[in-house]
Protein backbone atom coordinates (compact mmCIF):
# COMPACT_ATOMS: atom_id res chain seq x y z
CA UNK A 1 0.00 0.00 0.00
CA UNK A 2 1.30 3.44 -0.87
CA UNK A 3 2.54 5.73 1.93
CA UNK A 4 0.12 8.47 0.90
CA UNK A 5 -2.83 6.13 1.19
CA UNK A 6 -1.65 4.93 4.60
CA UNK A 7 -1.27 8.56 5.74
CA UNK A 8 -4.79 9.39 4.55
CA UNK A 9 -6.22 6.36 6.37
CA UNK A 10 -4.36 7.38 9.54
CA UNK A 11 -5.66 10.95 9.37
CA UNK A 12 -9.26 9.84 8.80
CA UNK A 13 -8.96 7.42 11.72
CA UNK A 14 -7.58 10.17 13.96
CA UNK A 15 -10.31 12.63 12.99
CA UNK A 16 -13.05 10.10 13.70
CA UNK A 17 -11.48 8.70 16.89
CA UNK A 18 -10.45 11.96 18.55
CA UNK A 19 -14.07 13.05 18.84
CA UNK A 20 -14.87 9.88 20.79
CA UNK A 21 -11.78 9.39 22.98
CA UNK A 22 -10.42 12.93 23.40
CA UNK A 23 -7.30 14.75 22.31
CA UNK A 24 -4.97 13.74 25.17
CA UNK A 25 -5.88 10.09 24.75
CA UNK A 26 -5.35 10.24 20.99
CA UNK A 27 -1.96 11.94 21.21
CA UNK A 28 -0.68 9.64 23.96
CA UNK A 29 -1.85 6.52 22.14
CA UNK A 30 -0.31 7.75 18.89
CA UNK A 31 3.07 8.46 20.48
CA UNK A 32 3.12 5.11 22.30
CA UNK A 33 2.16 3.25 19.13
CA UNK A 34 4.84 5.00 17.09
CA UNK A 35 7.49 4.31 19.73
CA UNK A 36 6.53 0.65 19.91
CA UNK A 37 6.59 0.38 16.12
CA UNK A 38 10.03 2.04 16.02
CA UNK A 39 11.32 -0.39 18.63
CA UNK A 40 10.13 -3.36 16.58
CA UNK A 41 11.54 -1.94 13.33
CA UNK A 42 14.90 -1.31 14.99
CA UNK A 43 15.06 -4.68 16.72
CA UNK A 44 14.42 -6.73 13.57
CA UNK A 45 15.98 -4.33 11.06
CA UNK A 46 12.77 -4.19 9.05
CA UNK A 47 12.35 -1.88 6.05
CA UNK A 48 16.12 -1.71 5.60
CA UNK A 49 16.87 -0.11 8.97
CA UNK A 50 20.05 -1.09 10.79
CA UNK A 51 19.54 -3.48 13.67
CA UNK A 52 19.45 -1.99 17.18
CA UNK A 53 18.48 -4.76 19.59
CA UNK A 54 15.70 -4.13 22.08
CA UNK A 55 17.73 -4.09 25.31
CA UNK A 56 16.46 -3.68 28.86
CA UNK A 57 16.67 0.14 28.77
CA UNK A 58 14.65 0.41 25.58
CA UNK A 59 12.03 -2.02 26.90
CA UNK A 60 11.89 -0.09 30.17
CA UNK A 61 11.37 3.15 28.25
CA UNK A 62 8.51 1.67 26.21
CA UNK A 63 7.03 0.21 29.40
CA UNK A 64 7.11 3.61 31.10
CA UNK A 65 5.51 5.27 28.06
CA UNK A 66 2.75 2.66 28.06
CA UNK A 67 2.26 3.16 31.83
CA UNK A 68 1.96 6.90 31.20
CA UNK A 69 -0.60 6.28 28.46
CA UNK A 70 -2.63 4.13 30.83
CA UNK A 71 -2.61 6.95 33.38
CA UNK A 72 -3.74 9.46 30.76
CA UNK A 73 -6.42 7.22 29.23
CA UNK A 74 -7.88 6.11 32.55
CA UNK A 75 -10.48 8.56 33.87
């Protein structure tokens, strides 16, 4: 799928979702999802990226981000 199409789908999803879940929830979930995706891409070297293994510090960082998201999302 083309990057432009994926970007358009993402934007439509954000516009529809933000009205239901709120801005803070949307931003925090987006950042956490992007960080998790980056960690996976780096760990496996997908899409031609150089391999950067997911060590304990990186996993701790993602865990703390996800914990922060849970605190923001929970009302």
